[in-house]
Amino acid sequence: MKSFLKSKLSMRQYELLRMLAFEFKRWKCRISAPKRFETNETRLHLGCGDRHLKGWLNVDMFGSDLNLDFAAGQLPFADGQFDVIVSQHVVEHLTIEDEFLPLLRACCRVTKQGGEIWISTPDMEKVSKSYVSQKNLDMIEDRKHRLPNWDMDGMPSQHFMNDIFHQQLEHRNLFDFELLKWCLEQAGFKNVLRVDEQKLLAKFPEFPERNDDYQSVYVKAEKA
């Protein structure tokens, strides 16, 4: 079906159709979300995709322990419910002002005093430096290795910048460390540190390895 639609529609029409289908699924998810959700888990995996981890509450829009639309900026959990929240490559899909900041404030509310939040997202600084230094070819090869089904469809290497910034209209913002730090502090977190994937895996070895430090910024912060 996907290949059929691509063959019949222009890229703009196809992407618009995908967006409309996604927004409909988001609307269904939002209206069916519970106002309050009780859980005994103290670790929240926010944006789990198909990576369901034992000992965590795995949350995403579809096919998770609890389906939520993060863009609503609300979480149906009790205050101070979680010791830790981990979210990998989710926040770039949200607008900062009316989606990401409200979500971070909700995360702060449901995190225990002294609890942690770990976030990774594409790094605007690394991607831009790779373009200026003409090393985006290295990023392309790394991404092909990590995502075997991904390709550039014969486009020149410069198109990688468009792909990472827009990803077929799915990405809304890219972050660097300073912007991510500012957002976390606005939401009530403190001690925002730049880390890497190995720091995350050392503390939570149950997470599958992404090998994406070449394009990602990883941060850890505490509830103030």
Protein backbone atom coordinates (compact mmCIF):
# COMPACT_ATOMS: atom_id res chain seq x y z
CA MET A 1 0.00 0.00 0.00
CA LYS A 2 2.81 2.39 0.91
CA SER A 3 4.66 1.81 -2.38
CA PHE A 4 1.38 2.09 -4.33
CA LEU A 5 0.58 5.48 -2.80
CA LYS A 6 4.12 6.73 -3.42
CA SER A 7 3.82 5.77 -7.08
CA LYS A 8 0.49 7.59 -7.51
CA LEU A 9 1.09 10.75 -5.49
CA SER A 10 3.65 13.52 -5.51
CA MET A 11 6.01 13.58 -2.53
CA ARG A 12 4.16 16.59 -1.08
CA GLN A 13 0.80 14.83 -1.45
CA TYR A 14 2.15 11.61 0.06
CA GLU A 15 3.65 13.41 3.06
CA LEU A 16 0.42 15.37 3.59
CA LEU A 17 -1.56 12.12 3.53
CA ARG A 18 0.81 10.57 6.06
CA MET A 19 0.47 13.61 8.31
CA LEU A 20 -3.32 13.52 8.16
CA ALA A 21 -3.36 9.80 8.99
CA PHE A 22 -0.97 10.42 11.89
CA GLU A 23 -3.01 13.34 13.23
CA PHE A 24 -6.15 11.18 13.16
CA LYS A 25 -4.37 8.46 15.16
CA ARG A 26 -3.10 11.14 17.56
CA TRP A 27 -6.65 12.47 18.03
CA LYS A 28 -7.96 8.96 18.78
CA CYS A 29 -5.13 8.40 21.25
CA ARG A 30 -5.73 11.73 22.99
CA ILE A 31 -9.48 11.30 23.51
CA SER A 32 -9.05 7.74 24.82
CA ALA A 33 -6.23 8.53 27.25
CA PRO A 34 -7.09 8.06 30.94
CA LYS A 35 -7.24 11.08 33.24
CA ARG A 36 -5.44 9.09 35.93
CA PHE A 37 -3.31 5.97 35.56
CA GLU A 38 -2.17 3.94 38.56
CA THR A 39 1.09 2.03 38.29
CA ASN A 40 3.57 0.38 40.60
CA GLU A 41 6.45 1.09 38.22
CA THR A 42 8.90 3.79 39.25
CA ARG A 43 10.73 4.03 35.91
CA LEU A 44 9.12 5.62 32.87
CA HIS A 45 10.24 4.86 29.31
CA LEU A 46 8.73 7.74 27.36
CA GLY A 47 8.47 7.08 23.62
CA CYS A 48 9.33 3.39 23.75
CA GLY A 49 8.41 2.48 20.18
CA ASP A 50 8.76 -1.29 19.90
CA ARG A 51 11.47 -1.43 22.58
CA HIS A 52 9.48 -2.63 25.59
CA LEU A 53 11.69 -2.95 28.65
CA LYS A 54 10.98 -5.14 31.66
CA GLY A 55 10.73 -3.17 34.89
CA TRP A 56 9.71 0.04 33.10
CA LEU A 57 6.37 1.58 32.22
CA ASN A 58 6.69 1.69 28.44
CA VAL A 59 4.64 4.55 27.00
CA ASP A 60 4.08 5.66 23.42
CA MET A 61 1.20 6.61 21.14
CA PHE A 62 0.61 3.06 19.89
CA GLY A 63 1.24 -0.51 21.04
CA SER A 64 2.63 0.29 24.48
CA ASP A 65 1.78 -0.38 28.13
CA LEU A 66 -0.07 2.95 28.07
CA ASN A 67 -0.87 4.83 24.88
CA LEU A 68 -0.50 8.61 25.26
CA ASP A 69 -0.20 11.60 22.96
CA PHE A 70 2.85 13.41 24.36
CA ALA A 71 1.99 16.54 22.40
CA ALA A 72 -0.93 17.10 24.79
CA GLY A 73 1.64 18.08 27.43
CA GLN A 74 -0.08 16.06 30.17
CA LEU A 75 0.81 12.86 32.00
CA PRO A 76 -1.86 10.93 33.98
CA PHE A 77 0.43 9.92 36.84
CA ALA A 78 0.62 10.88 40.49
CA ASP A 79 3.03 13.57 41.66
CA GLY A 80 6.48 12.11 42.35
CA GLN A 81 5.63 8.73 40.84
CA PHE A 82 8.93 8.04 39.05
CA ASP A 83 12.57 7.77 40.07
CA VAL A 84 13.72 8.15 36.50
CA ILE A 85 12.37 9.03 33.04
CA VAL A 86 14.21 8.08 29.85
CA SER A 87 13.23 9.39 26.41
CA GLN A 88 15.25 8.70 23.26
CA HIS A 89 14.64 10.54 19.99
CA VAL A 90 11.15 11.78 20.80
CA VAL A 91 11.46 15.47 21.63
CA GLU A 92 12.44 16.51 18.10
CA HIS A 93 8.89 15.63 17.02
CA LEU A 94 7.39 18.30 19.32
CA THR A 95 7.05 22.06 19.03
CA ILE A 96 8.94 23.72 21.86
CA GLU A 97 6.46 26.32 23.12
CA ASP A 98 3.16 24.44 23.27
CA GLU A 99 4.21 20.78 23.33
CA PHE A 100 7.74 20.13 24.60
CA LEU A 101 7.85 22.62 27.48
CA PRO A 102 4.43 21.52 28.84
CA LEU A 103 5.56 17.88 28.55
CA LEU A 104 8.78 18.64 30.45
CA ARG A 105 6.80 20.38 33.21
CA ALA A 106 4.57 17.33 33.44
CA CYS A 107 7.68 15.13 33.60
CA CYS A 108 9.03 17.28 36.42
CA ARG A 109 5.77 16.97 38.33
CA VAL A 110 5.69 13.15 38.15
CA THR A 111 9.41 12.79 39.00
CA LYS A 112 10.44 12.30 42.63
CA GLN A 113 12.56 14.91 44.36
CA GLY A 114 16.12 14.20 43.27
CA GLY A 115 14.89 11.93 40.47
CA GLU A 116 16.45 11.99 37.03
CA ILE A 117 15.44 12.51 33.43
CA TRP A 118 17.61 11.29 30.55
CA ILE A 119 16.95 12.60 27.03
CA SER A 120 18.61 12.01 23.68
CA THR A 121 17.78 13.73 20.40
CA PRO A 122 19.51 14.62 17.11
CA ASP A 123 22.26 17.14 17.83
CA MET A 124 22.00 20.29 15.71
CA GLU A 125 25.63 21.16 16.54
CA LYS A 126 27.07 17.79 15.45
CA VAL A 127 25.00 17.70 12.26
CA SER A 128 25.94 21.27 11.32
CA LYS A 129 29.64 20.65 11.99
CA SER A 130 29.51 17.54 9.83
CA TYR A 131 28.20 19.64 6.94
CA VAL A 132 30.76 22.43 7.33
CA SER A 133 33.64 19.96 7.59
CA GLN A 134 32.19 17.84 4.75
CA LYS A 135 32.04 14.81 7.05
CA ASN A 136 28.34 14.21 6.52
CA LEU A 137 29.39 11.22 4.39
CA ASP A 138 30.57 9.59 7.62
CA MET A 139 27.18 10.28 9.21
CA ILE A 140 25.41 8.78 6.21
CA GLU A 141 27.47 5.59 6.41
CA ASP A 142 26.93 5.35 10.17
CA ARG A 143 23.18 5.75 9.72
CA LYS A 144 23.09 3.12 6.97
CA HIS A 145 24.88 0.73 9.31
CA ARG A 146 22.47 1.46 12.16
CA LEU A 147 19.33 1.55 9.98
CA PRO A 148 19.79 -0.97 7.14
CA ASN A 149 16.48 -0.02 5.46
CA TRP A 150 17.35 3.70 5.30
CA ASP A 151 18.86 5.20 2.17
CA MET A 152 19.27 8.52 0.38
CA ASP A 153 17.33 7.46 -2.73
CA GLY A 154 20.29 8.45 -4.90
CA MET A 155 20.39 12.04 -3.61
CA PRO A 156 23.73 13.84 -3.03
CA SER A 157 25.19 13.71 0.47
CA GLN A 158 24.08 17.30 1.16
CA HIS A 159 20.48 16.05 1.26
CA PHE A 160 21.28 14.33 4.55
CA MET A 161 20.86 17.73 6.21
CA ASN A 162 17.30 18.00 4.93
CA ASP A 163 16.54 14.47 6.04
CA ILE A 164 17.79 14.98 9.58
CA PHE A 165 16.13 18.40 9.98
CA HIS A 166 12.75 17.47 8.49
CA GLN A 167 12.43 13.65 8.22
CA GLN A 168 9.43 13.79 5.89
CA LEU A 169 7.87 16.60 7.96
CA GLU A 170 8.04 14.53 11.17
CA HIS A 171 10.73 16.62 12.90
CA ARG A 172 9.62 19.96 14.36
CA ASN A 173 12.83 21.13 16.06
CA LEU A 174 16.46 20.19 16.39
CA PHE A 175 18.33 20.81 19.62
CA ASP A 176 21.86 21.32 20.76
CA PHE A 177 22.98 20.97 24.37
CA GLU A 178 22.38 24.60 25.30
CA LEU A 179 18.83 24.70 23.95
CA LEU A 180 17.94 21.40 25.61
CA LYS A 181 19.49 22.61 28.89
CA TRP A 182 17.45 25.82 28.74
CA CYS A 183 14.21 23.88 28.18
CA LEU A 184 14.91 21.51 31.08
CA GLU A 185 15.71 24.37 33.44
CA GLN A 186 12.55 26.22 32.41
CA ALA A 187 10.56 23.13 33.39
CA GLY A 188 12.13 22.87 36.86
CA PHE A 189 15.08 20.52 36.36
CA LYS A 190 18.62 21.34 37.46
CA ASN A 191 22.19 20.00 37.18
CA VAL A 192 21.78 19.43 33.44
CA LEU A 193 24.81 17.49 32.20
CA ARG A 194 25.94 16.45 28.75
CA VAL A 195 26.47 12.69 28.78
CA ASP A 196 26.74 9.99 26.09
CA GLU A 197 25.04 6.72 25.28
CA GLN A 198 27.57 4.67 27.25
CA LYS A 199 26.69 6.59 30.43
CA LEU A 200 23.03 5.74 29.86
CA LEU A 201 23.77 2.08 29.16
CA ALA A 202 26.08 1.80 32.14
CA LYS A 203 23.21 2.84 34.43
CA PHE A 204 20.41 1.12 32.49
CA PRO A 205 21.97 -1.84 30.60
CA GLU A 206 18.54 -3.14 29.62
CA PHE A 207 18.26 -0.43 26.96
CA PRO A 208 19.16 -1.64 23.46
CA GLU A 209 22.27 0.02 22.07
CA ARG A 210 21.63 2.65 19.40
CA ASN A 211 25.24 3.57 18.52
CA ASP A 212 24.07 7.09 17.68
CA ASP A 213 26.51 9.36 19.51
CA TYR A 214 27.75 10.54 16.11
CA GLN A 215 24.46 12.44 15.57
CA SER A 216 22.83 12.69 19.01
CA VAL A 217 23.09 14.81 22.11
CA TYR A 218 22.50 12.99 25.41
CA VAL A 219 21.64 14.86 28.59
CA LYS A 220 20.83 13.96 32.18
CA ALA A 221 19.11 16.29 34.65
CA GLU A 222 17.67 16.17 38.18
CA LYS A 223 14.43 17.45 39.61
CA ALA A 224 15.19 20.65 41.49
